[in-house]
């Protein structure tokens, strides 16, 4: 059960202490407890339109972010595109056509409700905050107020000037962010297949979904030159052996 003291502590510690890695310093598990949910995940949106997982509880929330990133659909992607909350109090009542690839996987994770909020300044969406619960049901009004307090505090954290924030904004290959390999792999596939970065990301996602792999794992194979994508009518992928041409 969340408490006012838990929420106060979370808000006071969102800014990481000096010398601590990461953009967010508070304990995500404590934040989830304070907001009366089972898990929380915060992702930032980069200039390239991709997302970067910054902070999450272990288990279902982290997996949910990875699933959305892999299949290219879900509440966080909709929120990033529209800058409006997506609140699903009962996933079992959601039409399958809404998220056909994601819904079966989320159900298998034991998630019954998802509440995703934009971290936005005006019409600019800096990122998303996704809350999930095993039990279906709407958020109570007092909790909704607390959620927006946390969201506004997270916006302030993301807006702070910091070398890591600059690396995140540019999605630099040298950055040590969670999904840096995906940004790098998208660029490599773009050159290999002669397609746009958006199309390159779609090919990576399609391969990951088809083979039941996390997108990050496929990206790491591309970066390590164990996998290459070549441009033909069907756009198949081919293993990259010694001496493979391309980036």
Protein backbone atom coordinates (compact mmCIF):
# COMPACT_ATOMS: atom_id res chain seq x y z
CA UNK A 1 0.00 0.00 0.00
CA UNK A 2 1.44 3.37 -0.96
CA UNK A 3 1.95 6.09 1.62
CA UNK A 4 2.39 9.86 1.52
CA UNK A 5 5.85 9.37 2.99
CA UNK A 6 6.84 7.01 0.17
CA UNK A 7 5.75 9.53 -2.46
CA UNK A 8 7.58 12.39 -0.72
CA UNK A 9 10.77 10.33 -0.64
CA UNK A 10 10.41 9.42 -4.32
CA UNK A 11 9.95 13.07 -5.33
CA UNK A 12 12.94 14.14 -3.23
CA UNK A 13 15.24 11.52 -4.77
CA UNK A 14 14.26 11.60 -8.46
CA UNK A 15 17.33 13.68 -9.24
CA UNK A 16 20.29 11.28 -8.99
CA UNK A 17 22.88 12.01 -6.35
CA UNK A 18 26.33 13.15 -7.48
CA UNK A 19 28.37 10.36 -8.97
CA UNK A 20 25.37 8.10 -9.56
CA UNK A 21 24.86 6.77 -13.07
CA UNK A 22 21.54 7.15 -14.80
CA UNK A 23 19.19 10.08 -15.27
CA UNK A 24 16.74 9.11 -12.51
CA UNK A 25 17.81 8.43 -8.97
CA UNK A 26 14.72 7.26 -7.04
CA UNK A 27 13.80 3.64 -6.36
CA UNK A 28 11.25 2.60 -9.02
CA UNK A 29 9.81 -0.13 -6.78
CA UNK A 30 9.10 2.40 -4.04
CA UNK A 31 7.52 4.72 -6.62
CA UNK A 32 5.23 1.93 -7.86
CA UNK A 33 4.18 1.18 -4.29
CA UNK A 34 3.44 4.84 -3.63
CA UNK A 35 1.24 4.99 -6.75
CA UNK A 36 -0.57 1.74 -5.84
CA UNK A 37 0.54 -0.15 -8.95
CA UNK A 38 2.65 -3.25 -9.51
CA UNK A 39 5.26 -1.68 -11.74
CA UNK A 40 6.49 1.46 -13.47
CA UNK A 41 8.69 2.21 -16.48
CA UNK A 42 9.96 5.52 -17.85
CA UNK A 43 11.27 5.85 -21.39
CA UNK A 44 12.55 8.93 -23.20
CA UNK A 45 11.90 9.71 -26.85
CA UNK A 46 15.00 10.54 -28.88
CA UNK A 47 15.39 12.87 -31.83
CA UNK A 48 15.26 9.83 -34.12
CA UNK A 49 11.79 8.89 -32.91
CA UNK A 50 13.01 5.82 -31.03
CA UNK A 51 12.65 5.28 -27.31
CA UNK A 52 15.20 4.71 -24.58
CA UNK A 53 14.33 2.89 -21.37
CA UNK A 54 15.64 5.00 -18.50
CA UNK A 55 14.10 3.61 -15.34
CA UNK A 56 11.85 0.68 -14.43
CA UNK A 57 10.90 -1.92 -11.91
CA UNK A 58 12.13 -5.43 -12.68
CA UNK A 59 9.85 -8.04 -14.19
CA UNK A 60 6.67 -7.25 -16.09
CA UNK A 61 7.28 -3.50 -16.53
CA UNK A 62 10.74 -3.94 -18.03
CA UNK A 63 9.47 -6.75 -20.28
CA UNK A 64 6.50 -4.63 -21.36
CA UNK A 65 8.79 -1.83 -22.52
CA UNK A 66 10.96 -4.30 -24.45
CA UNK A 67 7.92 -5.94 -26.05
CA UNK A 68 6.56 -2.60 -27.24
CA UNK A 69 9.98 -1.65 -28.60
CA UNK A 70 10.27 -4.99 -30.42
CA UNK A 71 6.82 -5.26 -32.01
CA UNK A 72 6.42 -1.53 -32.61
CA UNK A 73 2.98 -1.16 -31.01
CA UNK A 74 1.52 -0.47 -27.60
CA UNK A 75 0.46 2.31 -25.24
CA UNK A 76 3.86 3.99 -24.94
CA UNK A 77 4.18 4.35 -28.71
CA UNK A 78 0.68 5.82 -28.96
CA UNK A 79 1.38 8.26 -26.14
CA UNK A 80 4.69 9.32 -27.71
CA UNK A 81 2.90 9.99 -31.00
CA UNK A 82 -0.17 11.79 -29.64
CA UNK A 83 1.11 13.29 -26.36
CA UNK A 84 -2.10 12.06 -24.69
CA UNK A 85 -2.55 9.47 -21.93
CA UNK A 86 -3.60 5.92 -22.80
CA UNK A 87 -5.54 4.36 -19.93
CA UNK A 88 -6.63 0.73 -20.22
CA UNK A 89 -8.32 -0.37 -17.00
CA UNK A 90 -9.04 -3.89 -18.26
CA UNK A 91 -6.87 -5.38 -20.99
CA UNK A 92 -9.23 -8.35 -21.39
CA UNK A 93 -11.86 -5.95 -22.79
CA UNK A 94 -9.52 -4.31 -25.31
CA UNK A 95 -10.14 -5.32 -28.96
CA UNK A 96 -7.34 -7.57 -30.20
CA UNK A 97 -6.99 -5.40 -33.31
CA UNK A 98 -5.73 -2.52 -31.16
CA UNK A 99 -2.38 -4.23 -30.42
CA UNK A 100 -2.52 -7.63 -32.16
CA UNK A 101 1.11 -8.59 -31.58
CA UNK A 102 1.42 -7.10 -28.11
CA UNK A 103 -1.78 -8.18 -26.35
CA UNK A 104 -1.13 -11.95 -26.21
CA UNK A 105 2.38 -11.34 -24.85
CA UNK A 106 1.14 -8.85 -22.23
CA UNK A 107 -1.56 -11.28 -21.10
CA UNK A 108 1.10 -13.95 -20.68
CA UNK A 109 3.02 -11.55 -18.44
CA UNK A 110 0.02 -11.37 -16.12
CA UNK A 111 -0.71 -7.68 -16.75
CA UNK A 112 -4.37 -6.77 -16.34
CA UNK A 113 -4.30 -2.95 -16.58
CA UNK A 114 -1.97 -0.40 -18.18
CA UNK A 115 -1.87 3.36 -17.65
CA UNK A 116 0.56 5.34 -19.81
CA UNK A 117 1.18 9.08 -19.43
CA UNK A 118 3.16 11.57 -21.54
CA UNK A 119 6.13 13.44 -20.14
CA UNK A 120 5.50 16.53 -22.21
CA UNK A 121 6.18 20.22 -22.55
CA UNK A 122 3.34 21.66 -24.62
CA UNK A 123 3.03 19.46 -27.70
CA UNK A 124 6.58 18.08 -27.37
CA UNK A 125 6.61 14.60 -25.84
CA UNK A 126 9.93 14.04 -24.06
CA UNK A 127 9.03 10.54 -22.98
CA UNK A 128 6.45 8.26 -21.40
CA UNK A 129 5.65 6.87 -17.96
CA UNK A 130 3.90 3.50 -18.01
CA UNK A 131 2.23 1.98 -14.96
CA UNK A 132 0.92 -1.58 -14.88
CA UNK A 133 -1.13 -3.72 -12.51
CA UNK A 134 -2.04 -7.38 -12.46
CA UNK A 135 -5.57 -6.61 -11.26
CA UNK A 136 -7.89 -4.81 -13.70
CA UNK A 137 -9.69 -1.66 -12.64
CA UNK A 138 -9.41 2.13 -12.99
CA UNK A 139 -7.05 4.33 -11.05
CA UNK A 140 -8.63 6.06 -8.03
CA UNK A 141 -8.76 9.87 -8.28
CA UNK A 142 -6.21 10.54 -5.47
CA UNK A 143 -3.71 8.21 -7.16
CA UNK A 144 -4.21 9.99 -10.50
CA UNK A 145 -3.22 13.27 -8.83
CA UNK A 146 -0.08 11.66 -7.41
CA UNK A 147 0.79 10.23 -10.82
CA UNK A 148 0.78 13.69 -12.41
CA UNK A 149 2.98 14.98 -9.57
CA UNK A 150 5.52 12.27 -10.38
CA UNK A 151 5.19 12.91 -14.12
CA UNK A 152 5.88 16.64 -13.72
CA UNK A 153 8.86 15.91 -11.48
CA UNK A 154 10.23 13.49 -14.09
CA UNK A 155 9.87 16.16 -16.78
CA UNK A 156 12.05 18.46 -14.67
CA UNK A 157 14.66 15.70 -14.37
CA UNK A 158 14.68 15.09 -18.14
CA UNK A 159 15.05 18.81 -18.85
CA UNK A 160 18.12 19.18 -16.65
CA UNK A 161 21.32 19.87 -18.59
CA UNK A 162 23.62 16.89 -18.34
CA UNK A 163 26.17 15.13 -20.62
CA UNK A 164 24.06 11.96 -20.49
CA UNK A 165 20.98 13.92 -21.53
CA UNK A 166 22.87 15.27 -24.54
CA UNK A 167 23.95 11.76 -25.52
CA UNK A 168 20.37 10.57 -25.20
CA UNK A 169 19.03 13.38 -27.38
CA UNK A 170 21.44 12.57 -30.19
CA UNK A 171 21.38 8.77 -29.62
CA UNK A 172 25.15 8.75 -30.10
CA UNK A 173 26.72 5.40 -30.93
CA UNK A 174 29.20 5.88 -28.11
CA UNK A 175 26.52 6.38 -25.47
CA UNK A 176 26.04 3.68 -22.87
CA UNK A 177 22.26 3.82 -22.88
CA UNK A 178 20.26 0.60 -22.83
CA UNK A 179 19.28 0.66 -26.50
CA UNK A 180 22.33 2.29 -28.03
CA UNK A 181 22.93 -0.87 -30.08
CA UNK A 182 19.50 -0.52 -31.71
CA UNK A 183 20.29 3.01 -32.88
CA UNK A 184 23.63 1.86 -34.25
CA UNK A 185 22.18 -1.25 -35.90
CA UNK A 186 19.42 0.78 -37.58
CA UNK A 187 22.07 2.95 -39.20
CA UNK A 188 24.04 -0.10 -40.36
CA UNK A 189 20.96 -1.81 -41.83
CA UNK A 190 19.97 1.45 -43.53
CA UNK A 191 23.28 1.45 -45.40
CA UNK A 192 23.35 -2.31 -46.05
CA UNK A 193 19.82 -2.44 -47.48
CA UNK A 194 19.68 1.06 -48.94
CA UNK A 195 16.56 1.99 -46.98
CA UNK A 196 15.57 4.77 -44.60
CA UNK A 197 16.27 4.56 -40.88
CA UNK A 198 12.56 4.00 -40.21
CA UNK A 199 12.47 1.11 -42.69
CA UNK A 200 15.67 -0.30 -41.22
CA UNK A 201 14.11 -0.34 -37.76
CA UNK A 202 11.03 -2.11 -39.20
CA UNK A 203 13.27 -4.82 -40.64
CA UNK A 204 15.02 -5.29 -37.31
CA UNK A 205 11.66 -5.53 -35.54
CA UNK A 206 10.27 -7.98 -38.09
CA UNK A 207 13.31 -10.24 -37.70
CA UNK A 208 13.09 -10.09 -33.90
CA UNK A 209 9.38 -10.91 -33.87
CA UNK A 210 9.69 -13.68 -36.45
CA UNK A 211 12.49 -15.39 -34.54
CA UNK A 212 11.18 -14.73 -31.03
CA UNK A 213 14.18 -12.63 -30.04
CA UNK A 214 14.40 -9.34 -28.13
CA UNK A 215 15.06 -6.47 -30.51
CA UNK A 216 18.17 -5.54 -28.55
CA UNK A 217 19.63 -9.03 -29.14
CA UNK A 218 19.08 -8.78 -32.90
CA UNK A 219 20.66 -5.31 -32.93
CA UNK A 220 23.72 -6.61 -31.09
CA UNK A 221 24.09 -9.35 -33.74
CA UNK A 222 24.03 -6.70 -36.47
CA UNK A 223 26.57 -4.50 -34.69
CA UNK A 224 28.85 -7.53 -34.14
CA UNK A 225 28.45 -8.39 -37.87
CA UNK A 226 26.88 -11.77 -37.13
CA UNK A 227 23.81 -10.68 -39.08
CA UNK A 228 23.36 -8.49 -42.14
CA UNK A 229 20.33 -7.29 -44.08
CA UNK A 230 20.51 -7.01 -47.85
CA UNK A 231 18.17 -5.30 -50.25
CA UNK A 232 16.16 -7.52 -52.57
CA UNK A 233 12.47 -7.99 -53.35
CA UNK A 234 11.71 -9.92 -50.17
CA UNK A 235 14.21 -8.13 -47.98
CA UNK A 236 15.57 -11.30 -46.35
CA UNK A 237 18.27 -11.27 -43.76
CA UNK A 238 21.47 -13.23 -44.20
CA UNK A 239 24.14 -14.27 -41.74
CA UNK A 240 27.23 -12.15 -41.98
CA UNK A 241 30.42 -14.18 -42.11
CA UNK A 242 34.06 -13.23 -42.40
CA UNK A 243 34.62 -10.49 -44.93
CA UNK A 244 30.97 -9.42 -45.11
CA UNK A 245 30.68 -6.21 -47.05
CA UNK A 246 28.95 -3.21 -45.60
CA UNK A 247 29.32 -1.01 -42.57
